[in-house]
Amino acid sequence: MKIGVPKEIKTHEYRVGLTPDAVRELCVHGHAVIVERDAAAAIGFSDDVYRAAGAAVVATAAEVFAAADMVVKVKEPQPGEIALLRPGQILFTYLHLAADKAQTEGLMRSGATCIAYETVTDSRGALPLLSPMSEVAGRMSVQVGAHCLEKEQGGAGVLLGGVPGVPAGKVVVLGGGVSGTNAARMAIGIGADVTVIDRSIARLKELDQQFAAQMHTVFSTTAAIEQAVIEADLVIGAVLVPGAAAPKLVSRAMVRRMRPGSTSPSTRAAASKPAAPPPMPPPPMWRKAWCITASATCPARSPAPPPSPWATRPCPSCSHWPTRAGARPWPTTRICATA
């Protein structure tokens, strides 16, 4: 079989469908592998490493799709990639179709056989291809959440592990599956006060036996979720319904009642909402930018930054670093990237 590995083109996706070791294994078993140029350059695998493993390296994704019987990717195909699929070809990747009607219809029109990693089951009914990503997402959620709780990131300034004399932060994990368990494990490891909410009594018993007094387990009801969420510093969504959109357990009303500066990352974002909008243009193309430096001559100078998403970049108008009280430099610069 001819197996193709295109470079991922989704924003901030640096992974690759097959590592050089996987390519070598396929070649040893008689398959031919075609890899797009620089497919894994961002994660340290050069084209020469792939050639040494037995792959043929081609210049464009179009060449990969044209030559391959099966295309192996990481993330769902973008519209330009769907257009390259043909009837009878196999696409093997994460798809998350439940939240993306346009992608689903495009794949159906292509005539390709599309297999989603997240729906492949083993003999026990488990999800062996989704599980590793759930482990990563669960552990990363606590790391990301802890960062967002820092005051300079707009958080409440809460240290999840606490210190002597100060209580630990409260972490609520919605869902006790693979992702939720790994999130809870990380939160416990840094000393947080952890509560896991799940609707399976059997799973809650397993978690109670595994972690004992290190965490609280709560049966999932609307009232229980509401009470836990409004008291939490960090709420992690980790509920999975295989092949379907993730349920919405936290309402806008609950979010409004959360403490200012609290944080709520989700490990199931790809399964609960459509694909992200196109990325913002690079800084030179931003339509508005406010300079908050001490340079009185900068045409973009503003006495205070407006509320907006922020990026750490110097002022594009005067190239100055901002200062506090007109004296001490800040380590980063804030430039508004909104319209």
Foldseek 3Di string as FASTA:
>chain_A
DEEEKEADDPPPDQDTQDDLVRLLVVVVVPYAYEYEAPSRVVVPDHVVSNVVSPYHYDHHPLVRLVPGQEYGGEEADDPVVLVSAAANREYEYAHLCQAAVPSVVSNVVRNYHYDHLLQDADPVRDRVSVLVLLLVLLLVQLVVQQVLLCVVNQAVNFRQQADVPGAHFEEEEEDLPSNSVNNLVNSLVSRHAYEYEEQDPVSLVVVCVVQPPSYHYYYDDLVVVLVSLQRGLEYEYRDDDRPHAGDDNADPVSVVSHDGRRYYYYSRVSNHHYDDDDDFDPPVPQPAWEAQALDPPFPRHDVDDDDADWDFAAGPRPRDFHDDVNDHGDPTHTIHRDD
